[in-house]
Amino acid sequence: MIDDEITRANRSDAMRFGFVFAMLPCITIYFITMFEPVNGRDAVHIIMSDGLGAALIRWGWLERRAHRDA
């Protein structure tokens, strides 16, 4: 049940969603660095937190919806 077709599709969708949400702070940080220096450690923390958080929330929402419909 952990690796069925629906879970794989949900995981794939969540990873795509997380990637897009990780790229948004990358673009934002790129423009911010034109005016204010940003530490690399802080940039990585922002990007990883945003991407992973978005992917986990999306995956949880999709899985909950799939189990509710079944």
C-alpha atoms as a PDB file:
ATOM      1  CA  MET A   1       0.000   0.000   0.000  1.00  0.00           C
ATOM      2  CA  ILE A   2       2.921   2.328   0.535  1.00  0.00           C
ATOM      3  CA  ASP A   3       4.090   2.069  -3.069  1.00  0.00           C
ATOM      4  CA  ASP A   4       0.878   1.672  -5.070  1.00  0.00           C
ATOM      5  CA  GLU A   5       0.131   3.606  -8.273  1.00  0.00           C
ATOM      6  CA  ILE A   6      -1.793   6.390  -6.577  1.00  0.00           C
ATOM      7  CA  THR A   7       0.942   6.991  -4.004  1.00  0.00           C
ATOM      8  CA  ARG A   8       3.619   7.068  -6.719  1.00  0.00           C
ATOM      9  CA  ALA A   9       1.554   9.562  -8.739  1.00  0.00           C
ATOM     10  CA  ASN A  10       0.978  11.701  -5.633  1.00  0.00           C
ATOM     11  CA  ARG A  11       4.670  11.614  -4.753  1.00  0.00           C
ATOM     12  CA  SER A  12       5.627  12.636  -8.279  1.00  0.00           C
ATOM     13  CA  ASP A  13       3.151  15.511  -8.260  1.00  0.00           C
ATOM     14  CA  ALA A  14       4.357  16.636  -4.838  1.00  0.00           C
ATOM     15  CA  MET A  15       7.995  16.621  -5.976  1.00  0.00           C
ATOM     16  CA  ARG A  16       7.124  18.765  -9.002  1.00  0.00           C
ATOM     17  CA  PHE A  17       5.166  21.110  -6.752  1.00  0.00           C
ATOM     18  CA  GLY A  18       8.072  21.292  -4.290  1.00  0.00           C
ATOM     19  CA  PHE A  19      10.552  22.023  -7.077  1.00  0.00           C
ATOM     20  CA  VAL A  20       8.484  24.952  -8.320  1.00  0.00           C
ATOM     21  CA  PHE A  21       8.119  26.286  -4.791  1.00  0.00           C
ATOM     22  CA  ALA A  22      11.886  25.946  -4.270  1.00  0.00           C
ATOM     23  CA  MET A  23      12.615  27.937  -7.425  1.00  0.00           C
ATOM     24  CA  LEU A  24      10.465  30.882  -6.333  1.00  0.00           C
ATOM     25  CA  PRO A  25      12.734  31.812  -3.393  1.00  0.00           C
ATOM     26  CA  CYS A  26      15.767  31.250  -5.651  1.00  0.00           C
ATOM     27  CA  ILE A  27      14.529  33.953  -7.993  1.00  0.00           C
ATOM     28  CA  THR A  28      13.589  36.192  -5.068  1.00  0.00           C
ATOM     29  CA  ILE A  29      16.984  35.756  -3.394  1.00  0.00           C
ATOM     30  CA  TYR A  30      18.693  36.469  -6.717  1.00  0.00           C
ATOM     31  CA  PHE A  31      16.997  39.868  -6.901  1.00  0.00           C
ATOM     32  CA  ILE A  32      17.451  40.608  -3.188  1.00  0.00           C
ATOM     33  CA  THR A  33      21.208  40.105  -3.485  1.00  0.00           C
ATOM     34  CA  MET A  34      21.357  43.074  -5.860  1.00  0.00           C
ATOM     35  CA  PHE A  35      20.565  45.333  -2.899  1.00  0.00           C
ATOM     36  CA  GLU A  36      21.458  43.342   0.219  1.00  0.00           C
ATOM     37  CA  PRO A  37      24.013  40.525   0.595  1.00  0.00           C
ATOM     38  CA  VAL A  38      22.512  37.192   1.613  1.00  0.00           C
ATOM     39  CA  ASN A  39      24.572  34.560   3.387  1.00  0.00           C
ATOM     40  CA  GLY A  40      24.762  31.259   1.487  1.00  0.00           C
ATOM     41  CA  ARG A  41      23.707  29.314   4.563  1.00  0.00           C
ATOM     42  CA  ASP A  42      20.581  31.474   4.918  1.00  0.00           C
ATOM     43  CA  ALA A  43      19.765  31.125   1.227  1.00  0.00           C
ATOM     44  CA  VAL A  44      20.007  27.336   1.364  1.00  0.00           C
ATOM     45  CA  HIS A  45      17.851  27.250   4.503  1.00  0.00           C
ATOM     46  CA  ILE A  46      15.133  29.377   2.870  1.00  0.00           C
ATOM     47  CA  ILE A  47      15.137  27.391  -0.375  1.00  0.00           C
ATOM     48  CA  MET A  48      15.143  23.954   1.264  1.00  0.00           C
ATOM     49  CA  SER A  49      12.494  24.877   3.828  1.00  0.00           C
ATOM     50  CA  ASP A  50      10.189  26.294   1.200  1.00  0.00           C
ATOM     51  CA  GLY A  51      10.610  23.415  -1.264  1.00  0.00           C
ATOM     52  CA  LEU A  52      10.399  20.589   1.256  1.00  0.00           C
ATOM     53  CA  GLY A  53       7.533  22.170   3.143  1.00  0.00           C
ATOM     54  CA  ALA A  54       5.495  22.701  -0.021  1.00  0.00           C
ATOM     55  CA  ALA A  55       6.174  19.142  -1.240  1.00  0.00           C
ATOM     56  CA  LEU A  56       5.236  17.560   2.097  1.00  0.00           C
ATOM     57  CA  ILE A  57       2.050  19.579   2.429  1.00  0.00           C
ATOM     58  CA  ARG A  58       1.048  18.799  -1.169  1.00  0.00           C
ATOM     59  CA  TRP A  59       1.775  15.070  -0.739  1.00  0.00           C
ATOM     60  CA  GLY A  60      -0.170  14.915   2.514  1.00  0.00           C
ATOM     61  CA  TRP A  61      -3.122  16.707   0.978  1.00  0.00           C
ATOM     62  CA  LEU A  62      -3.154  14.392  -2.070  1.00  0.00           C
ATOM     63  CA  GLU A  63      -2.837  11.251   0.060  1.00  0.00           C
ATOM     64  CA  ARG A  64      -5.617  12.378   2.378  1.00  0.00           C
ATOM     65  CA  ARG A  65      -7.850  13.058  -0.597  1.00  0.00           C
ATOM     66  CA  ALA A  66      -7.015   9.656  -2.142  1.00  0.00           C
ATOM     67  CA  HIS A  67      -7.793   7.756   1.051  1.00  0.00           C
ATOM     68  CA  ARG A  68     -10.993   9.688   1.647  1.00  0.00           C
ATOM     69  CA  ASP A  69     -12.250   8.841  -1.863  1.00  0.00           C
ATOM     70  CA  ALA A  70     -11.402   5.138  -1.572  1.00  0.00           C
END
